[in-house]
N, C-alpha and C. Protein backbone atom coordinates (compact mmCIF):
# COMPACT_ATOMS: atom_id res chain seq x y z
N MET A 1 -92.43 44.48 79.34
CA MET A 1 -92.42 44.58 78.20
C MET A 1 -93.89 45.05 77.98
N SER A 2 -94.77 46.00 77.50
CA SER A 2 -95.99 45.93 76.95
C SER A 2 -96.68 45.44 75.68
N ASP A 3 -97.74 45.13 75.86
CA ASP A 3 -98.17 44.33 74.89
C ASP A 3 -98.05 44.95 73.67
N GLY A 4 -97.82 44.61 72.36
CA GLY A 4 -97.84 45.46 71.05
C GLY A 4 -96.42 45.61 70.90
N GLN A 5 -95.20 45.80 71.30
CA GLN A 5 -94.34 46.43 71.52
C GLN A 5 -92.75 45.53 71.70
N PHE A 6 -93.13 44.85 70.40
CA PHE A 6 -91.72 43.91 70.48
C PHE A 6 -90.84 44.47 69.47
N PHE A 7 -89.57 44.19 69.66
CA PHE A 7 -88.56 44.55 68.38
C PHE A 7 -87.95 43.74 68.33
N PHE A 8 -87.11 43.66 66.82
CA PHE A 8 -85.97 42.95 66.58
C PHE A 8 -84.84 43.68 66.21
N CYS A 9 -83.42 43.53 66.98
CA CYS A 9 -82.86 43.94 67.30
C CYS A 9 -81.76 43.80 66.14
N LEU A 10 -81.38 44.48 65.40
CA LEU A 10 -80.44 44.25 64.07
C LEU A 10 -78.75 43.92 64.25
N LYS A 11 -78.74 44.70 65.74
CA LYS A 11 -77.01 44.67 66.09
C LYS A 11 -76.89 43.41 67.07
N HIS A 12 -77.94 42.83 67.82
CA HIS A 12 -77.80 41.59 68.76
C HIS A 12 -78.29 40.62 68.14
N HIS A 13 -79.25 40.86 67.24
CA HIS A 13 -80.26 39.83 66.77
C HIS A 13 -80.71 38.82 68.01
N THR A 14 -81.49 39.91 68.55
CA THR A 14 -82.55 39.57 69.79
C THR A 14 -84.15 39.94 69.76
N VAL A 15 -84.78 39.64 70.68
CA VAL A 15 -85.93 40.30 70.76
C VAL A 15 -85.92 41.44 72.20
N GLU A 16 -86.69 42.58 71.63
CA GLU A 16 -86.38 43.24 72.93
C GLU A 16 -87.75 44.09 72.96
N GLY A 17 -87.62 45.01 73.83
CA GLY A 17 -88.88 46.36 74.13
C GLY A 17 -88.51 46.93 73.85
N GLU A 18 -89.45 48.09 74.50
CA GLU A 18 -89.95 49.48 74.32
C GLU A 18 -88.01 50.08 74.45
N ASP A 19 -87.91 49.77 75.07
CA ASP A 19 -86.28 50.13 76.14
C ASP A 19 -85.07 49.57 75.05
N GLY A 20 -84.90 48.74 74.55
CA GLY A 20 -84.11 48.10 73.42
C GLY A 20 -83.04 49.30 72.89
N CYS A 21 -82.22 48.92 71.91
CA CYS A 21 -81.57 49.96 71.27
C CYS A 21 -82.47 50.85 70.28
N LYS A 22 -81.44 51.80 69.77
CA LYS A 22 -82.15 52.54 68.84
C LYS A 22 -82.73 52.01 67.86
N ALA A 23 -83.70 53.00 67.28
CA ALA A 23 -85.02 52.50 66.26
C ALA A 23 -84.41 52.25 65.02
N ALA A 24 -82.98 53.02 64.70
CA ALA A 24 -82.01 52.82 63.10
C ALA A 24 -81.74 50.97 63.80
N ASP A 25 -81.63 50.55 64.83
CA ASP A 25 -80.97 49.24 64.69
C ASP A 25 -81.62 48.41 65.10
N ARG A 26 -83.20 48.32 64.55
CA ARG A 26 -84.35 47.31 64.85
C ARG A 26 -85.61 47.53 64.13
N LEU A 27 -85.87 46.32 63.64
CA LEU A 27 -87.55 46.19 63.04
C LEU A 27 -88.66 46.16 64.15
N GLY A 28 -89.78 46.66 64.00
CA GLY A 28 -90.75 46.40 64.67
C GLY A 28 -91.77 48.24 65.05
N PRO A 29 -92.88 47.77 65.16
CA PRO A 29 -92.98 47.02 66.21
C PRO A 29 -93.70 46.08 65.96
N TYR A 30 -93.96 44.88 66.70
CA TYR A 30 -94.58 43.60 66.02
C TYR A 30 -95.29 43.31 67.58
N ALA A 31 -96.49 42.52 67.33
CA ALA A 31 -97.21 42.28 68.21
C ALA A 31 -97.23 41.65 69.56
N THR A 32 -95.98 40.44 68.94
CA THR A 32 -96.12 39.24 69.75
C THR A 32 -94.39 38.84 70.22
N HIS A 33 -93.79 38.36 70.61
CA HIS A 33 -92.75 38.25 71.12
C HIS A 33 -91.92 37.30 69.65
N GLY A 34 -93.06 35.77 69.20
CA GLY A 34 -93.46 35.31 68.36
C GLY A 34 -92.29 35.89 66.93
N GLU A 35 -93.58 36.74 66.86
CA GLU A 35 -93.70 37.74 65.01
C GLU A 35 -91.96 38.37 64.98
N ALA A 36 -92.06 39.07 66.27
CA ALA A 36 -90.35 39.83 66.38
C ALA A 36 -89.36 38.77 66.01
N GLU A 37 -89.26 37.24 66.21
CA GLU A 37 -88.39 36.46 66.30
C GLU A 37 -88.27 35.98 64.99
N ARG A 38 -89.46 35.85 64.49
CA ARG A 38 -89.79 36.08 62.59
C ARG A 38 -89.07 37.24 61.43
N ALA A 39 -88.74 38.23 62.64
CA ALA A 39 -88.80 39.13 61.28
C ALA A 39 -87.56 39.58 60.02
N LEU A 40 -86.13 38.64 60.51
CA LEU A 40 -85.85 38.79 59.43
C LEU A 40 -86.08 37.77 58.55
N GLU A 41 -86.77 36.44 58.95
CA GLU A 41 -87.38 35.84 57.89
C GLU A 41 -88.25 36.71 56.93
N LYS A 42 -89.13 37.11 57.70
CA LYS A 42 -90.59 38.11 56.70
C LYS A 42 -89.50 38.93 55.48
N VAL A 43 -88.56 39.68 56.50
CA VAL A 43 -88.00 40.41 55.54
C VAL A 43 -87.29 39.77 54.55
N GLN A 44 -87.15 38.56 54.15
CA GLN A 44 -86.14 37.60 53.41
C GLN A 44 -87.48 37.51 52.26
N GLU A 45 -88.64 36.87 52.94
CA GLU A 45 -90.04 36.69 52.47
C GLU A 45 -90.32 38.04 51.36
N ARG A 46 -90.59 39.31 51.68
CA ARG A 46 -91.24 39.88 51.25
C ARG A 46 -89.89 40.71 50.16
N ASN A 47 -88.94 40.54 50.34
CA ASN A 47 -87.92 41.09 48.85
C ASN A 47 -88.41 40.01 48.76
N GLU A 48 -88.28 38.78 48.22
CA GLU A 48 -88.42 37.65 47.28
C GLU A 48 -89.66 37.72 46.68
N SER A 49 -90.60 38.43 47.00
CA SER A 49 -91.92 38.66 46.73
C SER A 49 -92.24 40.21 45.86
N TRP A 50 -91.52 40.44 46.27
CA TRP A 50 -91.31 42.32 45.56
C TRP A 50 -89.98 41.89 44.29
N ASP A 51 -89.14 41.02 44.29
CA ASP A 51 -88.34 40.76 43.41
C ASP A 51 -89.14 40.29 42.22
N ASN A 52 -90.13 39.56 42.84
CA ASN A 52 -90.69 38.51 41.38
C ASN A 52 -92.49 39.22 40.96
N ASP A 53 -92.29 40.32 41.55
CA ASP A 53 -93.55 40.78 41.20
C ASP A 53 -93.46 41.54 39.90
N PRO A 54 -94.49 41.24 38.77
CA PRO A 54 -94.63 41.49 37.69
C PRO A 54 -94.66 42.97 37.67
N ASP A 55 -95.29 43.83 38.33
CA ASP A 55 -95.88 45.12 38.24
C ASP A 55 -94.92 46.22 38.58
N TRP A 56 -93.35 45.49 39.17
CA TRP A 56 -92.69 45.96 39.93
C TRP A 56 -91.04 45.89 39.25
N ASN A 57 -90.85 44.80 38.03
CA ASN A 57 -89.82 44.48 37.53
C ASN A 57 -89.48 44.85 36.56
N ASP A 58 -88.03 45.69 36.60
CA ASP A 58 -88.06 46.82 35.43
C ASP A 58 -87.31 45.93 34.17
N THR A 59 -87.25 44.52 34.37
CA THR A 59 -86.65 44.04 33.12
C THR A 59 -88.00 43.77 31.88
N PRO A 60 -87.58 44.24 30.81
CA PRO A 60 -88.35 44.87 29.93
C PRO A 60 -88.55 42.91 29.55
N PRO A 61 -90.02 42.66 29.01
CA PRO A 61 -90.73 41.53 28.76
C PRO A 61 -89.31 40.84 27.28
N SER A 62 -89.28 39.72 27.48
CA SER A 62 -88.39 38.54 26.04
C SER A 62 -88.93 38.97 24.95
N LYS A 63 -88.47 38.85 23.82
CA LYS A 63 -89.05 38.86 22.59
C LYS A 63 -88.79 37.95 21.70
N ASP A 64 -89.23 36.89 22.73
CA ASP A 64 -89.51 34.94 21.61
C ASP A 64 -89.89 34.88 20.78
């Protein structure tokens, strides 16, 4: 594996190199093996952040 080319495979839930599964089945590239291992955690963190971002919240403010 070359530096900076780590991917998280969504099909197998493993970290793999450039020659792994097809691009549609993985996240990355990541700079380190450790970053790739945390891929799903990072996705969850970003989703929660975006869900709670007032600039992107479609719910109108309540009229209290």
